[in-house]
PDB file of N, CA and C in Angstrom:
ATOM      1  N   MET A   1      89.730  89.253  91.219  1.00  0.00           N
ATOM      2  CA  MET A   1      90.133  90.719  91.718  1.00  0.00           C
ATOM      3  C   MET A   1      91.069  90.259  93.115  1.00  0.00           C
ATOM      4  N   THR A   2      92.100  90.883  93.121  1.00  0.00           N
ATOM      5  CA  THR A   2      92.725  90.830  94.565  1.00  0.00           C
ATOM      6  C   THR A   2      92.313  91.686  95.625  1.00  0.00           C
ATOM      7  N   LEU A   3      92.618  91.656  96.803  1.00  0.00           N
ATOM      8  CA  LEU A   3      92.166  92.528  97.737  1.00  0.00           C
ATOM      9  C   LEU A   3      92.746  93.909  97.707  1.00  0.00           C
ATOM     10  N   GLU A   4      93.940  93.976  97.260  1.00  0.00           N
ATOM     11  CA  GLU A   4      94.330  95.255  96.921  1.00  0.00           C
ATOM     12  C   GLU A   4      93.706  96.288  95.856  1.00  0.00           C
ATOM     13  N   GLN A   5      93.486  95.239  94.735  1.00  0.00           N
ATOM     14  CA  GLN A   5      92.854  96.019  93.783  1.00  0.00           C
ATOM     15  C   GLN A   5      91.244  96.460  94.082  1.00  0.00           C
ATOM     16  N   HIS A   6      90.576  95.430  94.925  1.00  0.00           N
ATOM     17  CA  HIS A   6      89.407  96.075  95.658  1.00  0.00           C
ATOM     18  C   HIS A   6      89.446  97.248  96.288  1.00  0.00           C
ATOM     19  N   ILE A   7      90.523  97.370  97.102  1.00  0.00           N
ATOM     20  CA  ILE A   7      90.788  98.642  98.025  1.00  0.00           C
ATOM     21  C   ILE A   7      91.112  99.707  97.106  1.00  0.00           C
ATOM     22  N   GLU A   8      91.958  99.703  96.027  1.00  0.00           N
ATOM     23  CA  GLU A   8      91.997 100.834  95.019  1.00  0.00           C
ATOM     24  C   GLU A   8      90.895 101.214  94.420  1.00  0.00           C
ATOM     25  N   GLU A   9      90.095 100.184  93.994  1.00  0.00           N
ATOM     26  CA  GLU A   9      88.608 100.659  93.421  1.00  0.00           C
ATOM     27  C   GLU A   9      87.890 101.334  94.275  1.00  0.00           C
ATOM     28  N   LEU A  10      87.677 101.045  95.638  1.00  0.00           N
ATOM     29  CA  LEU A  10      86.935 101.676  96.608  1.00  0.00           C
ATOM     30  C   LEU A  10      87.527 102.969  96.911  1.00  0.00           C
ATOM     31  N   ARG A  11      88.902 103.233  96.860  1.00  0.00           N
ATOM     32  CA  ARG A  11      89.299 104.495  97.171  1.00  0.00           C
ATOM     33  C   ARG A  11      88.915 105.388  95.826  1.00  0.00           C
ATOM     34  N   ALA A  12      89.054 104.967  94.554  1.00  0.00           N
ATOM     35  CA  ALA A  12      88.441 105.633  93.440  1.00  0.00           C
ATOM     36  C   ALA A  12      86.915 106.123  93.469  1.00  0.00           C
ATOM     37  N   GLU A  13      86.291 105.208  93.952  1.00  0.00           N
ATOM     38  CA  GLU A  13      84.713 105.435  94.186  1.00  0.00           C
ATOM     39  C   GLU A  13      84.511 106.475  95.178  1.00  0.00           C
ATOM     40  N   LEU A  14      85.266 106.517  96.188  1.00  0.00           N
ATOM     41  CA  LEU A  14      85.128 107.488  97.359  1.00  0.00           C
ATOM     42  C   LEU A  14      85.390 108.966  96.730  1.00  0.00           C
ATOM     43  N   ARG A  15      86.460 109.094  95.808  1.00  0.00           N
ATOM     44  CA  ARG A  15      86.676 110.383  95.138  1.00  0.00           C
ATOM     45  C   ARG A  15      85.553 111.045  94.542  1.00  0.00           C
ATOM     46  N   GLY A  16      84.596 110.106  93.882  1.00  0.00           N
ATOM     47  CA  GLY A  16      83.595 110.553  93.149  1.00  0.00           C
ATOM     48  C   GLY A  16      82.161 110.641  93.609  1.00  0.00           C
ATOM     49  N   VAL A  17      82.064 110.226  95.112  1.00  0.00           N
ATOM     50  CA  VAL A  17      80.853 110.213  95.604  1.00  0.00           C
ATOM     51  C   VAL A  17      80.305 111.430  96.202  1.00  0.00           C
ATOM     52  N   VAL A  18      78.985 111.731  95.844  1.00  0.00           N
ATOM     53  CA  VAL A  18      78.544 113.158  96.525  1.00  0.00           C
ATOM     54  C   VAL A  18      77.384 112.624  97.592  1.00  0.00           C
ATOM     55  N   ASP A  19      76.690 111.496  97.540  1.00  0.00           N
ATOM     56  CA  ASP A  19      75.720 111.105  98.337  1.00  0.00           C
ATOM     57  C   ASP A  19      76.339 110.726  99.738  1.00  0.00           C
ATOM     58  N   PRO A  20      76.057 111.483 100.777  1.00  0.00           N
ATOM     59  CA  PRO A  20      76.612 111.197 102.160  1.00  0.00           C
ATOM     60  C   PRO A  20      76.196 109.592 102.514  1.00  0.00           C
ATOM     61  N   ARG A  21      75.050 109.075 102.355  1.00  0.00           N
ATOM     62  CA  ARG A  21      74.834 107.631 102.606  1.00  0.00           C
ATOM     63  C   ARG A  21      75.852 106.671 101.945  1.00  0.00           C
ATOM     64  N   GLU A  22      76.098 107.016 100.519  1.00  0.00           N
ATOM     65  CA  GLU A  22      76.885 106.084  99.782  1.00  0.00           C
ATOM     66  C   GLU A  22      78.373 106.393  99.996  1.00  0.00           C
ATOM     67  N   LEU A  23      78.674 107.310 100.358  1.00  0.00           N
ATOM     68  CA  LEU A  23      79.948 107.782 100.918  1.00  0.00           C
ATOM     69  C   LEU A  23      80.227 107.035 102.220  1.00  0.00           C
ATOM     70  N   ARG A  24      79.427 107.058 103.132  1.00  0.00           N
ATOM     71  CA  ARG A  24      79.659 106.123 104.422  1.00  0.00           C
ATOM     72  C   ARG A  24      79.702 104.765 104.062  1.00  0.00           C
ATOM     73  N   GLN A  25      78.705 104.204 103.372  1.00  0.00           N
ATOM     74  CA  GLN A  25      78.782 102.768 102.880  1.00  0.00           C
ATOM     75  C   GLN A  25      80.030 102.460 102.306  1.00  0.00           C
ATOM     76  N   ILE A  26      80.773 103.159 101.318  1.00  0.00           N
ATOM     77  CA  ILE A  26      81.955 102.853 100.661  1.00  0.00           C
ATOM     78  C   ILE A  26      83.118 103.042 101.607  1.00  0.00           C
ATOM     79  N   ALA A  27      83.044 104.057 102.525  1.00  0.00           N
ATOM     80  CA  ALA A  27      84.122 104.096 103.549  1.00  0.00           C
ATOM     81  C   ALA A  27      84.083 102.845 104.425  1.00  0.00           C
ATOM     82  N   VAL A  28      82.910 102.656 105.162  1.00  0.00           N
ATOM     83  CA  VAL A  28      82.996 101.334 105.747  1.00  0.00           C
ATOM     84  C   VAL A  28      83.526 100.118 105.167  1.00  0.00           C
ATOM     85  N   GLU A  29      83.003  99.943 103.977  1.00  0.00           N
ATOM     86  CA  GLU A  29      83.596  98.738 102.979  1.00  0.00           C
ATOM     87  C   GLU A  29      85.102  98.778 102.912  1.00  0.00           C
ATOM     88  N   LEU A  30      85.776 100.206 102.714  1.00  0.00           N
ATOM     89  CA  LEU A  30      86.967 100.256 102.617  1.00  0.00           C
ATOM     90  C   LEU A  30      87.973  99.905 103.840  1.00  0.00           C
ATOM     91  N   GLU A  31      87.191 100.374 104.903  1.00  0.00           N
ATOM     92  CA  GLU A  31      87.968 100.258 106.180  1.00  0.00           C
ATOM     93  C   GLU A  31      88.021  98.711 106.560  1.00  0.00           C
ATOM     94  N   ALA A  32      86.863  98.029 106.272  1.00  0.00           N
ATOM     95  CA  ALA A  32      86.935  96.473 106.543  1.00  0.00           C
ATOM     96  C   ALA A  32      88.003  95.793 105.569  1.00  0.00           C
ATOM     97  N   ALA A  33      88.177  96.408 104.426  1.00  0.00           N
ATOM     98  CA  ALA A  33      88.991  95.578 103.368  1.00  0.00           C
ATOM     99  C   ALA A  33      90.583  95.963 103.901  1.00  0.00           C
ATOM    100  N   GLU A  34      90.628  97.210 104.143  1.00  0.00           N
ATOM    101  CA  GLU A  34      91.894  97.544 104.819  1.00  0.00           C
ATOM    102  C   GLU A  34      92.356  96.896 106.010  1.00  0.00           C
ATOM    103  N   ILE A  35      91.554  96.607 106.910  1.00  0.00           N
ATOM    104  CA  ILE A  35      91.822  95.744 108.248  1.00  0.00           C
ATOM    105  C   ILE A  35      92.096  94.324 107.807  1.00  0.00           C
ATOM    106  N   LYS A  36      91.169  93.805 106.853  1.00  0.00           N
ATOM    107  CA  LYS A  36      91.341  92.362 106.291  1.00  0.00           C
ATOM    108  C   LYS A  36      92.729  92.424 105.690  1.00  0.00           C
ATOM    109  N   LEU A  37      93.250  93.225 104.853  1.00  0.00           N
ATOM    110  CA  LEU A  37      94.606  93.236 104.284  1.00  0.00           C
ATOM    111  C   LEU A  37      95.583  93.262 105.209  1.00  0.00           C
ATOM    112  N   ALA A  38      95.406  94.323 106.286  1.00  0.00           N
ATOM    113  CA  ALA A  38      96.496  94.292 107.263  1.00  0.00           C
ATOM    114  C   ALA A  38      96.736  92.865 108.108  1.00  0.00           C
ATOM    115  N   ALA A  39      95.604  92.217 108.286  1.00  0.00           N
ATOM    116  CA  ALA A  39      95.565  91.113 109.116  1.00  0.00           C
ATOM    117  C   ALA A  39      96.220  89.934 108.089  1.00  0.00           C
ATOM    118  N   LEU A  40      96.068  89.974 106.959  1.00  0.00           N
ATOM    119  CA  LEU A  40      96.614  88.978 106.114  1.00  0.00           C
ATOM    120  C   LEU A  40      98.192  89.182 105.835  1.00  0.00           C
ATOM    121  N   GLU A  41      98.535  90.508 105.978  1.00  0.00           N
ATOM    122  CA  GLU A  41     100.029  90.829 105.633  1.00  0.00           C
ATOM    123  C   GLU A  41     100.751  90.349 106.991  1.00  0.00           C
ATOM    124  N   ARG A  42     100.066  90.742 108.407  1.00  0.00           N
ATOM    125  CA  ARG A  42     100.603  90.412 109.547  1.00  0.00           C
ATOM    126  C   ARG A  42     100.829  88.690 109.714  1.00  0.00           C
ATOM    127  N   ALA A  43      99.886  87.954 109.371  1.00  0.00           N
ATOM    128  CA  ALA A  43      99.820  86.599 109.310  1.00  0.00           C
ATOM    129  C   ALA A  43     101.051  86.072 108.474  1.00  0.00           C
ATOM    130  N   SER A  44     101.044  86.563 107.159  1.00  0.00           N
ATOM    131  CA  SER A  44     102.155  86.274 106.295  1.00  0.00           C
ATOM    132  C   SER A  44     103.589  86.420 106.991  1.00  0.00           C
ATOM    133  N   LEU A  45     103.728  87.659 107.751  1.00  0.00           N
ATOM    134  CA  LEU A  45     105.057  88.075 108.177  1.00  0.00           C
ATOM    135  C   LEU A  45     105.262  86.967 109.365  1.00  0.00           C
ATOM    136  N   LEU A  46     104.190  86.727 110.148  1.00  0.00           N
ATOM    137  CA  LEU A  46     104.455  85.725 111.128  1.00  0.00           C
ATOM    138  C   LEU A  46     104.876  84.420 110.654  1.00  0.00           C
ATOM    139  N   ALA A  47     104.101  83.911 109.645  1.00  0.00           N
ATOM    140  CA  ALA A  47     104.551  82.614 109.232  1.00  0.00           C
ATOM    141  C   ALA A  47     105.948  82.579 108.540  1.00  0.00           C
ATOM    142  N   LEU A  48     106.425  83.662 107.908  1.00  0.00           N
ATOM    143  CA  LEU A  48     107.844  83.741 107.564  1.00  0.00           C
ATOM    144  C   LEU A  48     108.910  83.828 108.504  1.00  0.00           C
ATOM    145  N   GLU A  49     108.502  84.431 109.577  1.00  0.00           N
ATOM    146  CA  GLU A  49     109.272  84.492 110.795  1.00  0.00           C
ATOM    147  C   GLU A  49     109.425  82.921 111.478  1.00  0.00           C
ATOM    148  N   GLN A  50     108.339  82.246 111.525  1.00  0.00           N
ATOM    149  CA  GLN A  50     108.243  80.813 112.276  1.00  0.00           C
ATOM    150  C   GLN A  50     108.968  79.999 111.217  1.00  0.00           C
ATOM    151  N   GLY A  51     109.025  80.220 110.061  1.00  0.00           N
ATOM    152  CA  GLY A  51     109.861  79.376 109.182  1.00  0.00           C
ATOM    153  C   GLY A  51     111.356  79.269 108.973  1.00  0.00           C
ATOM    154  N   ARG A  52     111.785  80.595 109.637  1.00  0.00           N
ATOM    155  CA  ARG A  52     113.237  80.634 109.801  1.00  0.00           C
ATOM    156  C   ARG A  52     113.964  79.730 110.664  1.00  0.00           C
TER     157      ARG A  52
END
């Protein structure tokens, strides 16, 4: 599963959660995954710019 797919699954889970503890847990995991994806995208862009 790609990181993007994982993020989409977490977003889908959030829509159906009613338990506040589970909601917080999924939200924290989603935020961490989004931060990781942003870092990977920045690193990829930097690598492309350095290759020019």
